[in-house]
Amino acid sequence: MKLGAYTACLHDKPVEEAVQILADMGLDSAEINSGGFLPPVHIPAAVLAADTAAIDEYLGMLADKGVTLTALNCNGNPLHADRQVSDEHAEGLRRSIPLAAALGVKRIVTMSGLPGTNAHATLPAWSVLPWDSTYLDSRDYQWNEIAIPFWKDIQARAADADVKIAVEMHPHNVVYNPATMLRLAEQINATHVGAEMDPSHLMWQGIEPVRAIEALGDIVYCAAAKDVRINDAVRVNGVLDDRFGRVLPDDPDALSLGGPYTLSRWPQNPSWDFVAVGRGKDFAGRDHDAAYWREFLHALESVDPGIPVNIEHEDQELDQLEGLRFAAKTLLEAAGKVAVA
C-alpha cells in the first residue's frame, strides 16, 4: 500500500518542494492535478505535451525523492449544462488519459459530473431524492441522455490506454454513493471505470466507509484520506444544510470552479466540517483515531494490497503543513509505519 497526498494543497510551492515535503513526512505517493477545477501547476508544460525527455526527468525527480506518482487528478464537472465549463472539464479528462499512459500512471481521479434537468437547462441540478416522478424524469434525462453516453466514451478511451478512471463519489454529481457508482459501472459495462474511495463525502451522508468498500469490491481503484467531523448543529439542520454564502469572482479569496462559478463560503456553525485525518468524529460521537483508520486501510488492502491512499487536506482550522503533518502521522500510525516528525 502506498501512502501519500494530493498536492493541490501545496500549489503555492514548486513541484520539487511539494514532493520533498511529502517525502520528509514519510509519505511515498503523490496524486497530482492534470486539469478540471484546478490548473496543472505541478506538471511542467513539456510533460503535458508528452515530451519523452521531460517525462523521464519528471519521473526521475519523483524517484530521487522516494515518491511514486500514483494518480492524476482531474476533478471537475464534465457534464455541466454550461458548455463553458463542461467543454473544458471534459476535454481535460480526455487529455489526461493519454498523459497518464505516457507517465506510466494507471489511475486518474475525477468526478462523474452533473448535467441540467433537460436539454434547455443552463445550470446543473441534483435529483437527490426523487420522491416525485418529476425528479425521476430529470434523473432519467441526466443519466440516459448525458452521463451514460459520455462515460461509455471515457470507458473506451481508458480501456484503449489501459488506464483506470477512479470516480470520486461526490454529492452534486450523478455518482455520489455506492449505489450510483455501481449503476454507472453496470450501465457502461465498465472494465476501466470504477471508484475512488474518498470516505469524507460518504461519512457526512451517514455511509460507513468500510461497508462501502465491501459493497464495491474490486472496482475500488484508489482512495483519498480525508476526514469529517459531525458537529452538534447537525441535530438542528441535518446534513443537507444550505447556509452557504456567495463568493464573487473578483473576491481575492475566490476559487474558480470554471466559467463564472466559484467555491461558496462555508456556513457559520456548520453541521459538519472537513478535518485532517484523525480529527474526525461520527454521528455516534466515535473519534476517528488511528484505530478507526486502521479498519479503513485493512478494508482497502482486502481489495488491493498495493492500492494508493492519498491525503486530501481541506481542514480550514489547520494550515497546509500542519494539516498534512497531522494527517500523515495518523495514517502512518494506522498502517503500522513509523511517522516522520
C-alpha atoms as a PDB file:
ATOM      1  CA  MET A   1       0.000   0.000   0.000  1.00  0.00           C
ATOM      2  CA  LYS A   2       1.276   3.431  -0.965  1.00  0.00           C
ATOM      3  CA  LEU A   3       0.515   6.342   1.399  1.00  0.00           C
ATOM      4  CA  GLY A   4       0.817   9.891   0.118  1.00  0.00           C
ATOM      5  CA  ALA A   5      -1.025  13.102  -0.599  1.00  0.00           C
ATOM      6  CA  TYR A   6      -2.839  15.023  -3.305  1.00  0.00           C
ATOM      7  CA  THR A   7      -0.561  18.004  -3.886  1.00  0.00           C
ATOM      8  CA  ALA A   8      -3.277  20.606  -4.570  1.00  0.00           C
ATOM      9  CA  CYS A   9      -2.873  21.986  -1.046  1.00  0.00           C
ATOM     10  CA  LEU A  10       0.763  22.768  -1.937  1.00  0.00           C
ATOM     11  CA  HIS A  11       0.081  24.552  -5.228  1.00  0.00           C
ATOM     12  CA  ASP A  12       1.835  27.673  -3.910  1.00  0.00           C
ATOM     13  CA  LYS A  13       5.112  25.727  -3.957  1.00  0.00           C
ATOM     14  CA  PRO A  14       7.166  24.339  -6.867  1.00  0.00           C
ATOM     15  CA  VAL A  15       6.554  20.670  -7.528  1.00  0.00           C
ATOM     16  CA  GLU A  16      10.046  19.681  -6.361  1.00  0.00           C
ATOM     17  CA  GLU A  17       9.460  21.355  -2.997  1.00  0.00           C
ATOM     18  CA  ALA A  18       5.956  19.899  -2.680  1.00  0.00           C
ATOM     19  CA  VAL A  19       7.202  16.368  -3.330  1.00  0.00           C
ATOM     20  CA  GLN A  20      10.062  16.839  -0.871  1.00  0.00           C
ATOM     21  CA  ILE A  21       7.554  17.881   1.802  1.00  0.00           C
ATOM     22  CA  LEU A  22       5.691  14.603   1.292  1.00  0.00           C
ATOM     23  CA  ALA A  23       8.912  12.594   1.465  1.00  0.00           C
ATOM     24  CA  ASP A  24      10.002  14.391   4.634  1.00  0.00           C
ATOM     25  CA  MET A  25       6.703  13.377   6.251  1.00  0.00           C
ATOM     26  CA  GLY A  26       7.357   9.722   5.482  1.00  0.00           C
ATOM     27  CA  LEU A  27       4.948   9.535   2.534  1.00  0.00           C
ATOM     28  CA  ASP A  28       5.806   7.712  -0.696  1.00  0.00           C
ATOM     29  CA  SER A  29       2.919   8.563  -3.040  1.00  0.00           C
ATOM     30  CA  ALA A  30       1.721  11.655  -4.870  1.00  0.00           C
ATOM     31  CA  GLU A  31      -1.520  12.449  -6.674  1.00  0.00           C
ATOM     32  CA  ILE A  32      -1.045  15.445  -8.968  1.00  0.00           C
ATOM     33  CA  ASN A  33      -3.587  17.642 -10.723  1.00  0.00           C
ATOM     34  CA  SER A  34      -3.860  17.414 -14.513  1.00  0.00           C
ATOM     35  CA  GLY A  35      -6.891  19.669 -15.153  1.00  0.00           C
ATOM     36  CA  GLY A  36     -10.513  20.221 -14.238  1.00  0.00           C
ATOM     37  CA  PHE A  37     -11.332  22.622 -11.418  1.00  0.00           C
ATOM     38  CA  LEU A  38      -7.648  23.388 -10.813  1.00  0.00           C
ATOM     39  CA  PRO A  39      -4.799  24.089 -13.227  1.00  0.00           C
ATOM     40  CA  PRO A  40      -1.987  21.524 -13.539  1.00  0.00           C
ATOM     41  CA  VAL A  41       0.622  23.694 -11.806  1.00  0.00           C
ATOM     42  CA  HIS A  42       2.677  20.689 -10.647  1.00  0.00           C
ATOM     43  CA  ILE A  43       3.072  19.228 -14.124  1.00  0.00           C
ATOM     44  CA  PRO A  44       5.532  21.086 -16.392  1.00  0.00           C
ATOM     45  CA  ALA A  45       4.262  22.190 -19.809  1.00  0.00           C
ATOM     46  CA  ALA A  46       6.714  19.878 -21.580  1.00  0.00           C
ATOM     47  CA  VAL A  47       5.349  16.899 -19.636  1.00  0.00           C
ATOM     48  CA  LEU A  48       1.794  17.904 -20.532  1.00  0.00           C
ATOM     49  CA  ALA A  49       2.953  17.935 -24.146  1.00  0.00           C
ATOM     50  CA  ALA A  50       4.210  14.328 -23.689  1.00  0.00           C
ATOM     51  CA  ASP A  51       7.867  15.211 -24.351  1.00  0.00           C
ATOM     52  CA  THR A  52       9.735  11.984 -23.627  1.00  0.00           C
ATOM     53  CA  ALA A  53      12.828  13.614 -22.159  1.00  0.00           C
ATOM     54  CA  ALA A  54      10.711  15.880 -19.927  1.00  0.00           C
ATOM     55  CA  ILE A  55       8.691  12.904 -18.711  1.00  0.00           C
ATOM     56  CA  ASP A  56      11.853  10.972 -17.850  1.00  0.00           C
ATOM     57  CA  GLU A  57      13.260  13.955 -15.949  1.00  0.00           C
ATOM     58  CA  TYR A  58       9.950  14.499 -14.111  1.00  0.00           C
ATOM     59  CA  LEU A  59       9.604  10.870 -13.043  1.00  0.00           C
ATOM     60  CA  GLY A  60      13.286  10.813 -12.116  1.00  0.00           C
ATOM     61  CA  MET A  61      12.790  13.776  -9.795  1.00  0.00           C
ATOM     62  CA  LEU A  62       9.984  11.911  -8.030  1.00  0.00           C
ATOM     63  CA  ALA A  63      12.012   8.699  -7.813  1.00  0.00           C
ATOM     64  CA  ASP A  64      15.024  10.521  -6.379  1.00  0.00           C
ATOM     65  CA  LYS A  65      12.795  11.670  -3.512  1.00  0.00           C
ATOM     66  CA  GLY A  66      11.350   8.193  -2.970  1.00  0.00           C
ATOM     67  CA  VAL A  67       7.870   9.214  -4.121  1.00  0.00           C
ATOM     68  CA  THR A  68       5.746   7.462  -6.769  1.00  0.00           C
ATOM     69  CA  LEU A  69       3.215   9.263  -8.928  1.00  0.00           C
ATOM     70  CA  THR A  70       0.222   7.005  -8.252  1.00  0.00           C
ATOM     71  CA  ALA A  71      -2.609   9.063  -9.764  1.00  0.00           C
ATOM     72  CA  LEU A  72      -3.506  12.112 -11.775  1.00  0.00           C
ATOM     73  CA  ASN A  73      -6.449  14.190 -10.556  1.00  0.00           C
ATOM     74  CA  CYS A  74      -8.859  15.813 -12.995  1.00  0.00           C
ATOM     75  CA  ASN A  75     -11.840  16.587 -10.750  1.00  0.00           C
ATOM     76  CA  GLY A  76     -14.403  18.795 -12.451  1.00  0.00           C
ATOM     77  CA  ASN A  77     -17.891  18.750 -13.923  1.00  0.00           C
ATOM     78  CA  PRO A  78     -17.575  17.319 -17.445  1.00  0.00           C
ATOM     79  CA  LEU A  79     -21.390  17.182 -17.738  1.00  0.00           C
ATOM     80  CA  HIS A  80     -22.166  20.766 -16.672  1.00  0.00           C
ATOM     81  CA  ALA A  81     -25.125  22.334 -18.511  1.00  0.00           C
ATOM     82  CA  ASP A  82     -22.976  25.417 -19.151  1.00  0.00           C
ATOM     83  CA  ARG A  83     -20.710  24.403 -22.044  1.00  0.00           C
ATOM     84  CA  GLN A  84     -18.120  26.933 -20.935  1.00  0.00           C
ATOM     85  CA  VAL A  85     -17.450  24.597 -18.012  1.00  0.00           C
ATOM     86  CA  SER A  86     -18.257  21.143 -19.390  1.00  0.00           C
ATOM     87  CA  ASP A  87     -16.244  21.515 -22.597  1.00  0.00           C
ATOM     88  CA  GLU A  88     -13.097  22.447 -20.660  1.00  0.00           C
ATOM     89  CA  HIS A  89     -13.504  19.831 -17.932  1.00  0.00           C
ATOM     90  CA  ALA A  90     -14.443  17.024 -20.320  1.00  0.00           C
ATOM     91  CA  GLU A  91     -11.503  17.784 -22.590  1.00  0.00           C
ATOM     92  CA  GLY A  92      -9.213  17.921 -19.559  1.00  0.00           C
ATOM     93  CA  LEU A  93     -10.273  14.392 -18.636  1.00  0.00           C
ATOM     94  CA  ARG A  94      -9.859  13.145 -22.197  1.00  0.00           C
ATOM     95  CA  ARG A  95      -6.358  14.697 -22.377  1.00  0.00           C
ATOM     96  CA  SER A  96      -5.421  13.166 -19.036  1.00  0.00           C
ATOM     97  CA  ILE A  97      -5.894   9.614 -20.300  1.00  0.00           C
ATOM     98  CA  PRO A  98      -3.002   9.562 -22.834  1.00  0.00           C
ATOM     99  CA  LEU A  99      -0.949  11.689 -20.419  1.00  0.00           C
ATOM    100  CA  ALA A 100      -1.381   9.084 -17.678  1.00  0.00           C
ATOM    101  CA  ALA A 101      -0.393   6.352 -20.115  1.00  0.00           C
ATOM    102  CA  ALA A 102       2.719   8.278 -21.152  1.00  0.00           C
ATOM    103  CA  LEU A 103       3.653   8.763 -17.476  1.00  0.00           C
ATOM    104  CA  GLY A 104       3.027   5.121 -16.652  1.00  0.00           C
ATOM    105  CA  VAL A 105       0.312   6.148 -14.205  1.00  0.00           C
ATOM    106  CA  LYS A 106      -2.556   3.675 -14.012  1.00  0.00           C
ATOM    107  CA  ARG A 107      -5.172   5.837 -12.278  1.00  0.00           C
ATOM    108  CA  ILE A 108      -6.988   9.117 -12.889  1.00  0.00           C
ATOM    109  CA  VAL A 109      -9.228  10.524 -10.161  1.00  0.00           C
ATOM    110  CA  THR A 110     -12.222  12.501 -11.362  1.00  0.00           C
ATOM    111  CA  MET A 111     -15.913  13.186 -10.727  1.00  0.00           C
ATOM    112  CA  SER A 112     -18.851  11.821 -12.671  1.00  0.00           C
ATOM    113  CA  GLY A 113     -20.346  15.263 -13.346  1.00  0.00           C
ATOM    114  CA  LEU A 114     -23.859  16.656 -13.140  1.00  0.00           C
ATOM    115  CA  PRO A 115     -25.990  17.882 -16.069  1.00  0.00           C
ATOM    116  CA  GLY A 116     -29.068  20.078 -16.121  1.00  0.00           C
ATOM    117  CA  THR A 117     -32.582  18.677 -15.878  1.00  0.00           C
ATOM    118  CA  ASN A 118     -33.307  18.806 -19.629  1.00  0.00           C
ATOM    119  CA  ALA A 119     -31.811  19.824 -22.962  1.00  0.00           C
ATOM    120  CA  HIS A 120     -32.702  23.503 -22.416  1.00  0.00           C
ATOM    121  CA  ALA A 121     -31.133  23.828 -18.940  1.00  0.00           C
ATOM    122  CA  THR A 122     -28.212  26.177 -18.386  1.00  0.00           C
ATOM    123  CA  LEU A 123     -27.343  25.096 -14.830  1.00  0.00           C
ATOM    124  CA  PRO A 124     -26.878  21.647 -13.243  1.00  0.00           C
ATOM    125  CA  ALA A 125     -29.466  20.279 -10.812  1.00  0.00           C
ATOM    126  CA  TRP A 126     -29.070  17.396  -8.360  1.00  0.00           C
ATOM    127  CA  SER A 127     -32.025  14.989  -8.191  1.00  0.00           C
ATOM    128  CA  VAL A 128     -31.019  13.523  -4.860  1.00  0.00           C
ATOM    129  CA  LEU A 129     -34.338  12.157  -3.563  1.00  0.00           C
ATOM    130  CA  PRO A 130     -36.771  11.557  -6.459  1.00  0.00           C
ATOM    131  CA  TRP A 131     -39.934  11.008  -4.406  1.00  0.00           C
ATOM    132  CA  ASP A 132     -41.904  12.862  -7.113  1.00  0.00           C
ATOM    133  CA  SER A 133     -41.779  11.421 -10.639  1.00  0.00           C
ATOM    134  CA  THR A 134     -40.751  14.888 -11.826  1.00  0.00           C
ATOM    135  CA  TYR A 135     -37.339  14.148 -10.366  1.00  0.00           C
ATOM    136  CA  LEU A 136     -37.277  10.687 -11.909  1.00  0.00           C
ATOM    137  CA  ASP A 137     -37.828  12.359 -15.279  1.00  0.00           C
ATOM    138  CA  SER A 138     -34.901  14.656 -14.540  1.00  0.00           C
ATOM    139  CA  ARG A 139     -32.734  11.762 -13.404  1.00  0.00           C
ATOM    140  CA  ASP A 140     -33.582   9.708 -16.493  1.00  0.00           C
ATOM    141  CA  TYR A 141     -32.538  12.580 -18.749  1.00  0.00           C
ATOM    142  CA  GLN A 142     -29.313  13.153 -16.831  1.00  0.00           C
ATOM    143  CA  TRP A 143     -28.295   9.510 -16.953  1.00  0.00           C
ATOM    144  CA  ASN A 144     -29.678   8.239 -20.255  1.00  0.00           C
ATOM    145  CA  GLU A 145     -29.081  11.278 -22.456  1.00  0.00           C
ATOM    146  CA  ILE A 146     -25.911  12.755 -20.951  1.00  0.00           C
ATOM    147  CA  ALA A 147     -23.998  10.693 -18.380  1.00  0.00           C
ATOM    148  CA  ILE A 148     -24.113   7.221 -19.921  1.00  0.00           C
ATOM    149  CA  PRO A 149     -23.048   8.276 -23.459  1.00  0.00           C
ATOM    150  CA  PHE A 150     -20.221  10.415 -22.046  1.00  0.00           C
ATOM    151  CA  TRP A 151     -18.953   7.702 -19.727  1.00  0.00           C
ATOM    152  CA  LYS A 152     -19.165   4.997 -22.404  1.00  0.00           C
ATOM    153  CA  ASP A 153     -16.744   7.091 -24.419  1.00  0.00           C
ATOM    154  CA  ILE A 154     -14.427   7.596 -21.427  1.00  0.00           C
ATOM    155  CA  GLN A 155     -14.562   3.854 -20.683  1.00  0.00           C
ATOM    156  CA  ALA A 156     -13.491   3.083 -24.255  1.00  0.00           C
ATOM    157  CA  ARG A 157     -10.636   5.607 -24.174  1.00  0.00           C
ATOM    158  CA  ALA A 158      -9.440   4.352 -20.790  1.00  0.00           C
ATOM    159  CA  ALA A 159      -9.551   0.724 -21.908  1.00  0.00           C
ATOM    160  CA  ASP A 160      -7.532   1.544 -25.043  1.00  0.00           C
ATOM    161  CA  ALA A 161      -4.878   3.252 -22.886  1.00  0.00           C
ATOM    162  CA  ASP A 162      -5.111   0.668 -20.060  1.00  0.00           C
ATOM    163  CA  VAL A 163      -5.696   3.476 -17.557  1.00  0.00           C
ATOM    164  CA  LYS A 164      -8.290   3.191 -14.811  1.00  0.00           C
ATOM    165  CA  ILE A 165     -10.654   6.099 -14.102  1.00  0.00           C
ATOM    166  CA  ALA A 166     -11.459   6.372 -10.387  1.00  0.00           C
ATOM    167  CA  VAL A 167     -14.695   8.285  -9.809  1.00  0.00           C
ATOM    168  CA  GLU A 168     -14.973  10.225  -6.567  1.00  0.00           C
ATOM    169  CA  MET A 169     -18.445   9.612  -5.142  1.00  0.00           C
ATOM    170  CA  HIS A 170     -19.246  13.257  -4.516  1.00  0.00           C
ATOM    171  CA  PRO A 171     -22.646  14.866  -3.817  1.00  0.00           C
ATOM    172  CA  HIS A 172     -23.886  17.188  -6.581  1.00  0.00           C
ATOM    173  CA  ASN A 173     -22.791  14.561  -9.111  1.00  0.00           C
ATOM    174  CA  VAL A 174     -24.746  11.739 -10.687  1.00  0.00           C
ATOM    175  CA  VAL A 175     -22.441   9.351  -8.806  1.00  0.00           C
ATOM    176  CA  TYR A 176     -22.369  10.159  -5.096  1.00  0.00           C
ATOM    177  CA  ASN A 177     -22.708   6.828  -3.236  1.00  0.00           C
ATOM    178  CA  PRO A 178     -22.049   3.104  -3.835  1.00  0.00           C
ATOM    179  CA  ALA A 179     -25.461   2.501  -5.435  1.00  0.00           C
ATOM    180  CA  THR A 180     -24.934   5.189  -8.079  1.00  0.00           C
ATOM    181  CA  MET A 181     -21.320   4.063  -8.618  1.00  0.00           C
ATOM    182  CA  LEU A 182     -22.490   0.509  -9.269  1.00  0.00           C
ATOM    183  CA  ARG A 183     -25.254   1.805 -11.555  1.00  0.00           C
ATOM    184  CA  LEU A 184     -22.734   3.679 -13.700  1.00  0.00           C
ATOM    185  CA  ALA A 185     -20.376   0.711 -13.863  1.00  0.00           C
ATOM    186  CA  GLU A 186     -23.209  -1.574 -14.940  1.00  0.00           C
ATOM    187  CA  GLN A 187     -24.690   0.830 -17.488  1.00  0.00           C
ATOM    188  CA  ILE A 188     -21.387   1.357 -19.317  1.00  0.00           C
ATOM    189  CA  ASN A 189     -20.105  -2.246 -18.946  1.00  0.00           C
ATOM    190  CA  ALA A 190     -17.121  -0.849 -17.098  1.00  0.00           C
ATOM    191  CA  THR A 191     -13.748  -2.515 -17.156  1.00  0.00           C
ATOM    192  CA  HIS A 192     -11.681   0.646 -16.600  1.00  0.00           C
ATOM    193  CA  VAL A 193     -14.103   2.950 -14.750  1.00  0.00           C
ATOM    194  CA  GLY A 194     -14.511   2.395 -11.011  1.00  0.00           C
ATOM    195  CA  ALA A 195     -14.430   4.205  -7.676  1.00  0.00           C
ATOM    196  CA  GLU A 196     -12.088   6.450  -5.802  1.00  0.00           C
ATOM    197  CA  MET A 197     -12.865   5.747  -2.168  1.00  0.00           C
ATOM    198  CA  ASP A 198     -12.969   9.214  -0.608  1.00  0.00           C
ATOM    199  CA  PRO A 199     -14.603   8.407   2.746  1.00  0.00           C
ATOM    200  CA  SER A 200     -15.285  12.022   3.722  1.00  0.00           C
ATOM    201  CA  HIS A 201     -18.233  12.589   1.386  1.00  0.00           C
ATOM    202  CA  LEU A 202     -19.663   9.240   2.424  1.00  0.00           C
ATOM    203  CA  MET A 203     -19.222   9.989   6.129  1.00  0.00           C
ATOM    204  CA  TRP A 204     -21.411  13.079   6.183  1.00  0.00           C
ATOM    205  CA  GLN A 205     -24.115  11.232   4.256  1.00  0.00           C
ATOM    206  CA  GLY A 206     -24.201   8.650   7.056  1.00  0.00           C
ATOM    207  CA  ILE A 207     -22.463   5.945   4.975  1.00  0.00           C
ATOM    208  CA  GLU A 208     -19.912   3.697   6.691  1.00  0.00           C
ATOM    209  CA  PRO A 209     -16.771   3.696   4.510  1.00  0.00           C
ATOM    210  CA  VAL A 210     -15.777   0.105   5.312  1.00  0.00           C
ATOM    211  CA  ARG A 211     -19.248  -1.130   4.342  1.00  0.00           C
ATOM    212  CA  ALA A 212     -18.990   0.918   1.136  1.00  0.00           C
ATOM    213  CA  ILE A 213     -15.663  -0.729   0.272  1.00  0.00           C
ATOM    214  CA  GLU A 214     -17.205  -4.153   0.852  1.00  0.00           C
ATOM    215  CA  ALA A 215     -20.147  -3.259  -1.407  1.00  0.00           C
ATOM    216  CA  LEU A 216     -17.942  -2.008  -4.253  1.00  0.00           C
ATOM    217  CA  GLY A 217     -15.231  -4.651  -4.038  1.00  0.00           C
ATOM    218  CA  ASP A 218     -12.643  -4.724  -6.795  1.00  0.00           C
ATOM    219  CA  ILE A 219     -13.939  -1.640  -8.580  1.00  0.00           C
ATOM    220  CA  VAL A 220     -12.289   0.446  -5.836  1.00  0.00           C
ATOM    221  CA  TYR A 221      -9.165   1.634  -7.658  1.00  0.00           C
ATOM    222  CA  CYS A 222      -7.637   4.090  -5.189  1.00  0.00           C
ATOM    223  CA  ALA A 223      -8.523   6.072  -2.076  1.00  0.00           C
ATOM    224  CA  ALA A 224      -8.394   9.515  -0.545  1.00  0.00           C
ATOM    225  CA  ALA A 225      -7.637  10.104   3.115  1.00  0.00           C
ATOM    226  CA  LYS A 226      -9.923  12.927   4.219  1.00  0.00           C
ATOM    227  CA  ASP A 227     -11.915  13.101   7.421  1.00  0.00           C
ATOM    228  CA  VAL A 228     -15.194  14.650   8.568  1.00  0.00           C
ATOM    229  CA  ARG A 229     -16.281  15.899  11.979  1.00  0.00           C
ATOM    230  CA  ILE A 230     -20.013  15.769  12.612  1.00  0.00           C
ATOM    231  CA  ASN A 231     -20.964  18.822  14.691  1.00  0.00           C
ATOM    232  CA  ASP A 232     -23.814  19.352  17.137  1.00  0.00           C
ATOM    233  CA  ALA A 233     -25.587  21.638  14.644  1.00  0.00           C
ATOM    234  CA  VAL A 234     -26.474  18.538  12.622  1.00  0.00           C
ATOM    235  CA  ARG A 235     -29.171  17.809  15.211  1.00  0.00           C
ATOM    236  CA  VAL A 236     -30.941  21.004  14.136  1.00  0.00           C
ATOM    237  CA  ASN A 237     -30.167  21.413  10.429  1.00  0.00           C
ATOM    238  CA  GLY A 238     -29.260  17.878   9.344  1.00  0.00           C
ATOM    239  CA  VAL A 239     -26.580  17.132   6.795  1.00  0.00           C
ATOM    240  CA  LEU A 240     -28.332  18.897   3.894  1.00  0.00           C
ATOM    241  CA  ASP A 241     -27.575  22.367   5.221  1.00  0.00           C
ATOM    242  CA  ASP A 242     -27.723  25.048   2.502  1.00  0.00           C
ATOM    243  CA  ARG A 243     -26.468  28.062   4.512  1.00  0.00           C
ATOM    244  CA  PHE A 244     -23.514  28.628   2.194  1.00  0.00           C
ATOM    245  CA  GLY A 245     -22.533  32.138   1.118  1.00  0.00           C
ATOM    246  CA  ARG A 246     -21.699  33.573  -2.301  1.00  0.00           C
ATOM    247  CA  VAL A 247     -18.106  34.433  -3.167  1.00  0.00           C
ATOM    248  CA  LEU A 248     -17.886  36.803  -6.128  1.00  0.00           C
ATOM    249  CA  PRO A 249     -15.360  36.045  -8.881  1.00  0.00           C
ATOM    250  CA  ASP A 250     -13.382  39.238  -8.150  1.00  0.00           C
ATOM    251  CA  ASP A 251     -13.113  38.464  -4.426  1.00  0.00           C
ATOM    252  CA  PRO A 252      -9.414  37.985  -3.511  1.00  0.00           C
ATOM    253  CA  ASP A 253     -10.301  34.675  -1.848  1.00  0.00           C
ATOM    254  CA  ALA A 254     -12.384  33.373  -4.773  1.00  0.00           C
ATOM    255  CA  LEU A 255     -11.570  29.893  -6.068  1.00  0.00           C
ATOM    256  CA  SER A 256     -12.793  29.460  -9.627  1.00  0.00           C
ATOM    257  CA  LEU A 257     -14.659  26.259 -10.470  1.00  0.00           C
ATOM    258  CA  GLY A 258     -14.905  27.059 -14.168  1.00  0.00           C
ATOM    259  CA  GLY A 259     -16.655  29.830 -16.086  1.00  0.00           C
ATOM    260  CA  PRO A 260     -18.126  32.438 -13.711  1.00  0.00           C
ATOM    261  CA  TYR A 261     -18.644  29.926 -10.886  1.00  0.00           C
ATOM    262  CA  THR A 262     -16.736  29.922  -7.589  1.00  0.00           C
ATOM    263  CA  LEU A 263     -16.396  27.832  -4.456  1.00  0.00           C
ATOM    264  CA  SER A 264     -19.014  29.010  -1.980  1.00  0.00           C
ATOM    265  CA  ARG A 265     -18.328  30.235   1.557  1.00  0.00           C
ATOM    266  CA  TRP A 266     -18.775  27.625   4.282  1.00  0.00           C
ATOM    267  CA  PRO A 267     -21.650  28.173   6.763  1.00  0.00           C
ATOM    268  CA  GLN A 268     -21.118  29.521  10.247  1.00  0.00           C
ATOM    269  CA  ASN A 269     -21.743  26.809  12.874  1.00  0.00           C
ATOM    270  CA  PRO A 270     -21.938  24.089  10.188  1.00  0.00           C
ATOM    271  CA  SER A 271     -23.487  20.673  10.592  1.00  0.00           C
ATOM    272  CA  TRP A 272     -20.175  19.083   9.612  1.00  0.00           C
ATOM    273  CA  ASP A 273     -16.629  20.051   8.673  1.00  0.00           C
ATOM    274  CA  PHE A 274     -13.835  18.529   6.652  1.00  0.00           C
ATOM    275  CA  VAL A 275     -10.924  17.916   9.015  1.00  0.00           C
ATOM    276  CA  ALA A 276      -7.483  16.343   8.872  1.00  0.00           C
ATOM    277  CA  VAL A 277      -7.296  12.575   9.106  1.00  0.00           C
ATOM    278  CA  GLY A 278      -7.578  11.684  12.791  1.00  0.00           C
ATOM    279  CA  ARG A 279      -9.610  14.757  13.815  1.00  0.00           C
ATOM    280  CA  GLY A 280     -12.979  13.418  12.696  1.00  0.00           C
ATOM    281  CA  LYS A 281     -15.988  12.278  14.672  1.00  0.00           C
ATOM    282  CA  ASP A 282     -19.050  10.337  13.546  1.00  0.00           C
ATOM    283  CA  PHE A 283     -22.753  10.705  14.345  1.00  0.00           C
ATOM    284  CA  ALA A 284     -22.409   8.470  17.410  1.00  0.00           C
ATOM    285  CA  GLY A 285     -19.518  10.538  18.757  1.00  0.00           C
ATOM    286  CA  ARG A 286     -16.805   7.984  17.898  1.00  0.00           C
ATOM    287  CA  ASP A 287     -13.425   9.581  17.324  1.00  0.00           C
ATOM    288  CA  HIS A 288     -11.739   8.848  14.010  1.00  0.00           C
ATOM    289  CA  ASP A 289      -8.427   7.927  15.602  1.00  0.00           C
ATOM    290  CA  ALA A 290      -5.691   5.685  14.206  1.00  0.00           C
ATOM    291  CA  ALA A 291      -7.703   2.588  15.132  1.00  0.00           C
ATOM    292  CA  TYR A 292     -10.631   3.861  13.041  1.00  0.00           C
ATOM    293  CA  TRP A 293      -8.391   4.484  10.053  1.00  0.00           C
ATOM    294  CA  ARG A 294      -6.711   1.098  10.525  1.00  0.00           C
ATOM    295  CA  GLU A 295     -10.072  -0.547   9.786  1.00  0.00           C
ATOM    296  CA  PHE A 296     -10.366   1.580   6.637  1.00  0.00           C
ATOM    297  CA  LEU A 297      -6.875   0.633   5.420  1.00  0.00           C
ATOM    298  CA  HIS A 298      -7.445  -3.056   6.134  1.00  0.00           C
ATOM    299  CA  ALA A 299     -10.661  -2.983   4.101  1.00  0.00           C
ATOM    300  CA  LEU A 300      -8.797  -1.378   1.194  1.00  0.00           C
ATOM    301  CA  GLU A 301      -5.970  -3.924   1.421  1.00  0.00           C
ATOM    302  CA  SER A 302      -8.500  -6.719   1.104  1.00  0.00           C
ATOM    303  CA  VAL A 303      -9.453  -5.249  -2.292  1.00  0.00           C
ATOM    304  CA  ASP A 304      -5.928  -4.413  -3.490  1.00  0.00           C
ATOM    305  CA  PRO A 305      -2.810  -4.780  -1.298  1.00  0.00           C
ATOM    306  CA  GLY A 306      -0.991  -2.228  -3.479  1.00  0.00           C
ATOM    307  CA  ILE A 307      -3.724   0.402  -3.500  1.00  0.00           C
ATOM    308  CA  PRO A 308      -2.586   4.046  -3.149  1.00  0.00           C
ATOM    309  CA  VAL A 309      -4.149   6.169  -0.407  1.00  0.00           C
ATOM    310  CA  ASN A 310      -3.528   9.903  -0.800  1.00  0.00           C
ATOM    311  CA  ILE A 311      -4.299  12.555   1.815  1.00  0.00           C
ATOM    312  CA  GLU A 312      -6.577  15.355   0.659  1.00  0.00           C
ATOM    313  CA  HIS A 313      -6.088  18.238   3.070  1.00  0.00           C
ATOM    314  CA  GLU A 314      -9.105  20.561   3.407  1.00  0.00           C
ATOM    315  CA  ASP A 315      -9.073  21.257   7.157  1.00  0.00           C
ATOM    316  CA  GLN A 316      -9.753  25.000   7.477  1.00  0.00           C
ATOM    317  CA  GLU A 317      -8.598  25.028  11.104  1.00  0.00           C
ATOM    318  CA  LEU A 318      -5.054  23.873  10.300  1.00  0.00           C
ATOM    319  CA  ASP A 319      -2.608  25.396   7.842  1.00  0.00           C
ATOM    320  CA  GLN A 320      -1.308  23.417   4.893  1.00  0.00           C
ATOM    321  CA  LEU A 321       1.746  21.883   6.556  1.00  0.00           C
ATOM    322  CA  GLU A 322       0.175  21.422   9.992  1.00  0.00           C
ATOM    323  CA  GLY A 323      -2.837  19.678   8.478  1.00  0.00           C
ATOM    324  CA  LEU A 324      -0.749  17.469   6.199  1.00  0.00           C
ATOM    325  CA  ARG A 325       1.580  16.531   9.041  1.00  0.00           C
ATOM    326  CA  PHE A 326      -1.298  15.627  11.363  1.00  0.00           C
ATOM    327  CA  ALA A 327      -2.963  13.524   8.674  1.00  0.00           C
ATOM    328  CA  ALA A 328       0.298  11.794   7.724  1.00  0.00           C
ATOM    329  CA  LYS A 329       1.045  10.912  11.345  1.00  0.00           C
ATOM    330  CA  THR A 330      -2.407   9.355  11.814  1.00  0.00           C
ATOM    331  CA  LEU A 331      -2.288   7.470   8.529  1.00  0.00           C
ATOM    332  CA  LEU A 332       1.209   6.105   9.059  1.00  0.00           C
ATOM    333  CA  GLU A 333       0.294   5.000  12.580  1.00  0.00           C
ATOM    334  CA  ALA A 334      -2.836   3.309  11.245  1.00  0.00           C
ATOM    335  CA  ALA A 335      -0.722   1.469   8.681  1.00  0.00           C
ATOM    336  CA  GLY A 336       1.804   0.361  11.288  1.00  0.00           C
ATOM    337  CA  LYS A 337       4.530   2.538   9.827  1.00  0.00           C
ATOM    338  CA  VAL A 338       6.758   4.955  11.705  1.00  0.00           C
ATOM    339  CA  ALA A 339       5.692   8.577  11.267  1.00  0.00           C
ATOM    340  CA  VAL A 340       8.412  11.116  10.466  1.00  0.00           C
ATOM    341  CA  ALA A 341       8.450  14.153  12.758  1.00  0.00           C
END
